[in-house]
């Protein structure tokens, strides 16, 4: 929980976390299909949180809660790691990331506790803070690092870190543009099974957050290692 990762420990940690989250959500989805008397679950129509609603998914709702709580617990050492690793590249970026991702952690726990059927307003707010906070943490950090890399020619920021952040920024920009288009054209609530579906982009954002986490962790570990090597060399001389 200290957030000190090596490449080996990060691989073990991330594989375990992603396996639990993926396994719980997949099983919850399958149980939704078998226990819900309504139409089958569809990412184009149903929100992610439907899997965690006892009224809609009486058999698998608890697994959704396990997945969200696993993510929240795993986020604690990740925030500590990112804060240290990003501080070595750009202190302000580290502060922004820790603030927004830190906000998302208690909200993730709350999403797993309060389903939409119990209190729609509280659920909506906590879900927005949980995934909006995590999403903004990576988005703003990416913008900050890439700007610093281009403007100040910061050699400490590796290209291997810039590439996933840039891909994430493009993805978020495209997703926002799609949703604005759907709203302007009056299709926000009637997009059907198309790319305009808000619930589809809800799922895509969730997957993108997990993806950017994995894609940026290893370049940051390598960056910290390469920065520590010259210092250790100097001490040994």
Protein backbone atom coordinates (compact mmCIF):
# COMPACT_ATOMS: atom_id res chain seq x y z
CA UNK A 1 0.00 0.00 0.00
CA UNK A 2 3.06 2.30 0.12
CA UNK A 3 3.09 2.81 -3.64
CA UNK A 4 6.70 1.70 -4.15
CA UNK A 5 6.62 -0.38 -7.32
CA UNK A 6 9.25 -2.15 -9.34
CA UNK A 7 8.41 -3.49 -12.79
CA UNK A 8 7.92 -6.97 -11.33
CA UNK A 9 5.70 -5.91 -8.41
CA UNK A 10 3.69 -3.60 -10.68
CA UNK A 11 2.99 -6.46 -13.10
CA UNK A 12 1.85 -8.73 -10.25
CA UNK A 13 -0.24 -5.96 -8.67
CA UNK A 14 -1.94 -4.85 -11.89
CA UNK A 15 -2.63 -8.40 -13.11
CA UNK A 16 -4.27 -9.24 -9.79
CA UNK A 17 -6.34 -6.06 -9.69
CA UNK A 18 -7.45 -6.22 -13.33
CA UNK A 19 -8.29 -9.92 -12.98
CA UNK A 20 -10.52 -9.30 -9.97
CA UNK A 21 -12.26 -6.33 -11.58
CA UNK A 22 -12.68 -8.03 -14.95
CA UNK A 23 -13.80 -11.32 -13.39
CA UNK A 24 -16.33 -9.68 -11.07
CA UNK A 25 -17.85 -7.48 -13.78
CA UNK A 26 -18.01 -10.32 -16.31
CA UNK A 27 -19.68 -12.64 -13.82
CA UNK A 28 -22.06 -9.89 -12.70
CA UNK A 29 -22.98 -9.34 -16.37
CA UNK A 30 -23.68 -13.05 -16.85
CA UNK A 31 -25.79 -13.18 -13.69
CA UNK A 32 -27.71 -10.13 -14.91
CA UNK A 33 -28.56 -12.07 -18.04
CA UNK A 34 -29.77 -15.10 -16.06
CA UNK A 35 -31.63 -13.38 -13.20
CA UNK A 36 -33.17 -10.30 -14.83
CA UNK A 37 -36.57 -10.91 -16.41
CA UNK A 38 -36.20 -7.86 -18.64
CA UNK A 39 -34.20 -7.47 -21.85
CA UNK A 40 -30.57 -8.69 -21.87
CA UNK A 41 -27.86 -6.29 -20.76
CA UNK A 42 -26.52 -4.03 -23.50
CA UNK A 43 -23.67 -1.51 -23.25
CA UNK A 44 -25.61 0.68 -25.71
CA UNK A 45 -28.67 0.95 -23.47
CA UNK A 46 -27.80 0.08 -19.87
CA UNK A 47 -25.52 2.03 -17.55
CA UNK A 48 -22.55 0.33 -15.91
CA UNK A 49 -24.18 0.77 -12.52
CA UNK A 50 -27.17 -1.35 -13.57
CA UNK A 51 -24.92 -4.33 -12.85
CA UNK A 52 -24.68 -3.14 -9.23
CA UNK A 53 -28.36 -2.42 -8.68
CA UNK A 54 -30.00 -5.15 -6.54
CA UNK A 55 -33.38 -4.47 -8.13
CA UNK A 56 -32.05 -4.96 -11.66
CA UNK A 57 -29.35 -7.53 -10.94
CA UNK A 58 -30.36 -9.34 -7.73
CA UNK A 59 -27.91 -12.20 -8.32
CA UNK A 60 -24.81 -10.28 -9.35
CA UNK A 61 -25.02 -6.83 -7.75
CA UNK A 62 -22.60 -7.76 -4.95
CA UNK A 63 -19.91 -8.61 -7.52
CA UNK A 64 -20.17 -5.12 -8.98
CA UNK A 65 -19.58 -3.77 -5.47
CA UNK A 66 -16.53 -6.04 -5.07
CA UNK A 67 -15.15 -4.74 -8.37
CA UNK A 68 -15.61 -1.08 -7.39
CA UNK A 69 -14.13 -1.58 -3.93
CA UNK A 70 -11.18 -3.46 -5.40
CA UNK A 71 -10.55 -0.52 -7.73
CA UNK A 72 -10.85 1.96 -4.85
CA UNK A 73 -8.44 0.04 -2.62
CA UNK A 74 -5.97 -0.45 -5.47
CA UNK A 75 -6.13 3.26 -6.26
CA UNK A 76 -4.56 4.17 -2.89
CA UNK A 77 -1.04 2.81 -3.61
CA UNK A 78 -1.38 3.94 -7.22
CA UNK A 79 -2.01 7.54 -6.18
CA UNK A 80 1.01 7.43 -3.86
CA UNK A 81 3.13 6.01 -6.68
CA UNK A 82 1.94 8.54 -9.27
CA UNK A 83 2.45 11.46 -6.89
CA UNK A 84 6.09 10.54 -6.32
CA UNK A 85 6.80 9.55 -9.92
CA UNK A 86 5.12 12.59 -11.47
CA UNK A 87 6.73 14.95 -8.94
CA UNK A 88 10.12 13.95 -10.32
CA UNK A 89 8.95 15.11 -13.75
CA UNK A 90 6.73 18.10 -12.91
CA UNK A 91 5.63 18.95 -9.36
CA UNK A 92 2.40 20.76 -10.31
CA UNK A 93 1.26 17.82 -12.43
CA UNK A 94 1.77 15.49 -9.47
CA UNK A 95 -0.38 17.73 -7.26
CA UNK A 96 -3.19 17.92 -9.82
CA UNK A 97 -3.20 14.15 -10.31
CA UNK A 98 -3.22 13.41 -6.56
CA UNK A 99 -6.07 15.88 -5.96
CA UNK A 100 -8.46 14.60 -8.61
CA UNK A 101 -7.67 10.90 -8.23
CA UNK A 102 -7.80 11.29 -4.47
CA UNK A 103 -11.34 12.67 -4.77
CA UNK A 104 -12.40 9.67 -6.80
CA UNK A 105 -11.39 7.04 -4.22
CA UNK A 106 -14.12 7.61 -1.58
CA UNK A 107 -16.60 8.14 -4.40
CA UNK A 108 -15.75 4.69 -5.80
CA UNK A 109 -16.57 3.16 -2.43
CA UNK A 110 -19.85 5.11 -2.34
CA UNK A 111 -20.89 3.97 -5.84
CA UNK A 112 -20.54 0.40 -4.64
CA UNK A 113 -22.77 1.11 -1.63
CA UNK A 114 -25.51 3.33 -3.04
CA UNK A 115 -27.26 1.92 -6.15
CA UNK A 116 -29.39 4.16 -8.36
CA UNK A 117 -32.59 2.50 -7.13
CA UNK A 118 -31.78 3.46 -3.53
CA UNK A 119 -30.93 7.12 -4.16
CA UNK A 120 -30.59 8.22 -7.81
CA UNK A 121 -29.18 11.66 -6.94
CA UNK A 122 -26.47 10.42 -4.55
CA UNK A 123 -25.56 7.65 -6.97
CA UNK A 124 -25.28 10.08 -9.88
CA UNK A 125 -23.07 12.48 -7.93
CA UNK A 126 -20.75 9.80 -6.55
CA UNK A 127 -20.43 8.11 -9.95
CA UNK A 128 -19.59 11.46 -11.58
CA UNK A 129 -16.94 12.20 -8.95
CA UNK A 130 -15.54 8.65 -9.06
CA UNK A 131 -15.02 8.34 -12.79
CA UNK A 132 -14.86 12.05 -13.56
CA UNK A 133 -12.16 12.54 -10.94
CA UNK A 134 -10.05 9.64 -12.19
CA UNK A 135 -10.59 10.64 -15.81
CA UNK A 136 -9.63 14.26 -15.14
CA UNK A 137 -6.55 13.18 -13.18
CA UNK A 138 -5.11 11.47 -16.24
CA UNK A 139 -6.39 14.06 -18.71
CA UNK A 140 -4.96 17.10 -16.93
CA UNK A 141 -1.73 15.31 -16.06
CA UNK A 142 -1.29 14.30 -19.68
CA UNK A 143 -1.87 17.84 -20.89
CA UNK A 144 0.56 19.18 -18.31
CA UNK A 145 3.33 16.72 -19.14
CA UNK A 146 2.99 17.00 -22.91
CA UNK A 147 2.93 20.82 -22.71
CA UNK A 148 6.02 20.77 -20.53
CA UNK A 149 7.75 18.33 -22.87
CA UNK A 150 7.09 20.50 -25.94
CA UNK A 151 7.43 23.98 -24.43
CA UNK A 152 10.28 23.44 -21.95
CA UNK A 153 11.93 20.50 -23.73
CA UNK A 154 11.87 18.53 -20.49
CA UNK A 155 14.13 15.55 -21.21
CA UNK A 156 13.02 13.78 -18.02
CA UNK A 157 9.61 13.09 -19.60
CA UNK A 158 10.02 9.95 -21.76
CA UNK A 159 8.30 9.54 -25.12
CA UNK A 160 6.95 6.20 -23.82
CA UNK A 161 4.91 8.25 -21.35
CA UNK A 162 3.83 10.93 -23.83
CA UNK A 163 2.34 8.45 -26.32
CA UNK A 164 -0.31 6.85 -24.03
CA UNK A 165 -1.22 10.23 -22.56
CA UNK A 166 -1.64 11.69 -26.04
CA UNK A 167 -3.81 8.74 -27.11
CA UNK A 168 -5.94 9.20 -23.99
CA UNK A 169 -6.37 12.94 -24.63
CA UNK A 170 -7.45 12.25 -28.23
CA UNK A 171 -9.90 9.61 -27.01
CA UNK A 172 -11.46 11.94 -24.42
CA UNK A 173 -11.68 14.81 -26.91
CA UNK A 174 -13.38 12.57 -29.47
CA UNK A 175 -15.79 11.20 -26.86
CA UNK A 176 -16.80 14.68 -25.72
CA UNK A 177 -17.30 15.76 -29.35
CA UNK A 178 -19.53 12.72 -29.99
CA UNK A 179 -21.71 13.45 -26.97
CA UNK A 180 -22.00 17.16 -27.85
CA UNK A 181 -23.07 16.18 -31.37
CA UNK A 182 -25.65 13.75 -29.99
CA UNK A 183 -27.05 16.44 -27.68
CA UNK A 184 -27.19 19.14 -30.37
CA UNK A 185 -28.91 16.78 -32.82
CA UNK A 186 -31.45 15.72 -30.19
CA UNK A 187 -30.14 12.15 -30.09
CA UNK A 188 -28.70 12.14 -26.58
CA UNK A 189 -31.62 10.16 -25.14
CA UNK A 190 -32.46 8.20 -28.27
CA UNK A 191 -29.13 7.22 -29.78
CA UNK A 192 -29.98 3.52 -29.86
CA UNK A 193 -27.21 1.00 -30.54
CA UNK A 194 -24.85 3.48 -32.20
CA UNK A 195 -21.55 5.18 -31.47
CA UNK A 196 -23.57 8.09 -30.05
CA UNK A 197 -24.77 6.03 -27.09
CA UNK A 198 -23.87 7.70 -23.78
CA UNK A 199 -23.78 4.38 -21.91
CA UNK A 200 -21.35 3.00 -24.50
CA UNK A 201 -19.00 5.90 -23.82
CA UNK A 202 -19.47 5.37 -20.09
CA UNK A 203 -18.05 1.86 -20.57
CA UNK A 204 -15.32 3.12 -22.90
CA UNK A 205 -14.23 5.73 -20.35
CA UNK A 206 -14.04 3.07 -17.63
CA UNK A 207 -11.91 0.84 -19.87
CA UNK A 208 -9.76 3.81 -20.95
CA UNK A 209 -9.01 4.73 -17.32
CA UNK A 210 -7.87 1.18 -16.62
CA UNK A 211 -5.86 1.18 -19.85
CA UNK A 212 -4.08 4.49 -19.24
CA UNK A 213 -3.24 3.33 -15.73
CA UNK A 214 -1.42 0.28 -17.07
CA UNK A 215 0.12 2.12 -20.04
CA UNK A 216 1.66 4.91 -17.92
CA UNK A 217 2.75 2.94 -14.87
CA UNK A 218 5.68 1.17 -16.51
CA UNK A 219 7.21 4.23 -18.26
CA UNK A 220 7.04 6.04 -14.92
CA UNK A 221 8.81 3.17 -13.15
CA UNK A 222 11.54 3.17 -15.80
CA UNK A 223 11.79 6.96 -15.62
CA UNK A 224 12.30 6.87 -11.85
CA UNK A 225 14.92 4.17 -12.28
CA UNK A 226 16.87 6.09 -14.89
CA UNK A 227 16.82 9.25 -12.77
CA UNK A 228 18.01 7.36 -9.70
CA UNK A 229 20.92 5.69 -11.51
CA UNK A 230 23.10 8.83 -11.98
CA UNK A 231 22.64 9.76 -8.32
CA UNK A 232 23.62 6.31 -7.14
CA UNK A 233 26.67 6.43 -9.44
CA UNK A 234 27.78 9.75 -8.01
CA UNK A 235 27.50 8.46 -4.44
CA UNK A 236 29.57 5.40 -5.27
CA UNK A 237 32.42 7.35 -6.91
